Amino acid sequence: MDLILKVNNMEKKYNNIEDISTSNLYRMLEMDRFQDDDSQKMIKDELKFRESIIGLYFDDMISVFKGE
């Protein structure tokens, strides 16, 4: 499933929910486009997963794996 996120007149296409920053996931929860039950569940499940990681923030972990 491709996710297209528009913020401040900028559009970005994501292939995986894992590629979306945590702050953008929170924004997506409020967007009209993502108000259906499936989208809300997918976003909330991803946020729960990220919050469950102890000691590391998810975005920091991704940066480590990407070598940033």
Protein backbone atom coordinates (compact mmCIF):
# COMPACT_ATOMS: atom_id res chain seq x y z
CA MET A 1 0.00 0.00 0.00
CA ASP A 2 1.41 3.36 -1.00
CA LEU A 3 0.84 6.17 1.44
CA ILE A 4 0.83 9.73 0.14
CA LEU A 5 1.27 12.38 2.79
CA LYS A 6 0.64 16.06 2.05
CA VAL A 7 1.95 18.55 4.61
CA ASN A 8 2.38 22.28 3.98
CA ASN A 9 1.65 21.91 0.24
CA MET A 10 4.38 19.29 -0.07
CA GLU A 11 3.59 15.75 -1.14
CA LYS A 12 5.68 12.71 -0.30
CA LYS A 13 4.99 9.11 -1.29
CA TYR A 14 5.91 6.30 1.08
CA ASN A 15 5.99 2.60 0.24
CA ASN A 16 6.10 1.44 3.86
CA ILE A 17 4.62 2.84 7.04
CA GLU A 18 8.01 2.25 8.67
CA ASP A 19 9.46 5.04 6.49
CA ILE A 20 7.11 7.68 7.91
CA SER A 21 8.38 9.72 10.83
CA THR A 22 6.55 9.45 14.13
CA SER A 23 5.52 13.10 14.00
CA ASN A 24 3.97 12.58 10.56
CA LEU A 25 2.10 9.51 11.81
CA TYR A 26 0.49 11.66 14.49
CA ARG A 27 -0.45 14.19 11.81
CA MET A 28 -1.95 11.43 9.68
CA LEU A 29 -4.27 10.43 12.53
CA GLU A 30 -5.98 13.82 12.15
CA MET A 31 -6.11 13.98 8.35
CA ASP A 32 -9.45 13.37 6.63
CA ARG A 33 -7.83 10.97 4.19
CA PHE A 34 -6.85 8.54 6.96
CA GLN A 35 -10.08 8.49 8.99
CA ASP A 36 -11.25 5.07 7.82
CA ASP A 37 -11.00 2.24 10.35
CA ASP A 38 -8.23 0.36 8.54
CA SER A 39 -5.96 3.40 8.23
CA GLN A 40 -6.54 4.43 11.82
CA LYS A 41 -5.73 0.92 13.07
CA MET A 42 -2.59 0.68 10.93
CA ILE A 43 -1.28 4.04 12.16
CA LYS A 44 -2.15 3.39 15.81
CA ASP A 45 -0.56 -0.08 15.70
CA GLU A 46 2.64 1.37 14.26
CA LEU A 47 2.72 4.08 16.95
CA LYS A 48 2.18 1.47 19.69
CA PHE A 49 5.05 -0.58 18.29
CA ARG A 50 7.37 2.42 18.25
CA GLU A 51 6.39 3.41 21.78
CA SER A 52 7.01 -0.13 23.05
CA ILE A 53 10.71 -0.06 22.21
CA ILE A 54 12.57 0.44 25.49
CA GLY A 55 15.69 2.59 25.60
CA LEU A 56 15.72 3.70 21.97
CA TYR A 57 13.45 5.93 19.99
CA PHE A 58 12.29 4.26 16.79
CA ASP A 59 13.56 7.10 14.59
CA ASP A 60 17.00 6.79 16.22
CA MET A 61 17.03 3.04 15.55
CA ILE A 62 16.15 3.58 11.90
CA SER A 63 18.96 6.14 11.60
CA VAL A 64 21.42 3.62 13.03
CA PHE A 65 20.33 0.95 10.56
CA LYS A 66 20.53 3.41 7.66
CA GLY A 67 24.02 4.48 8.77
CA GLU A 68 23.06 8.10 9.38
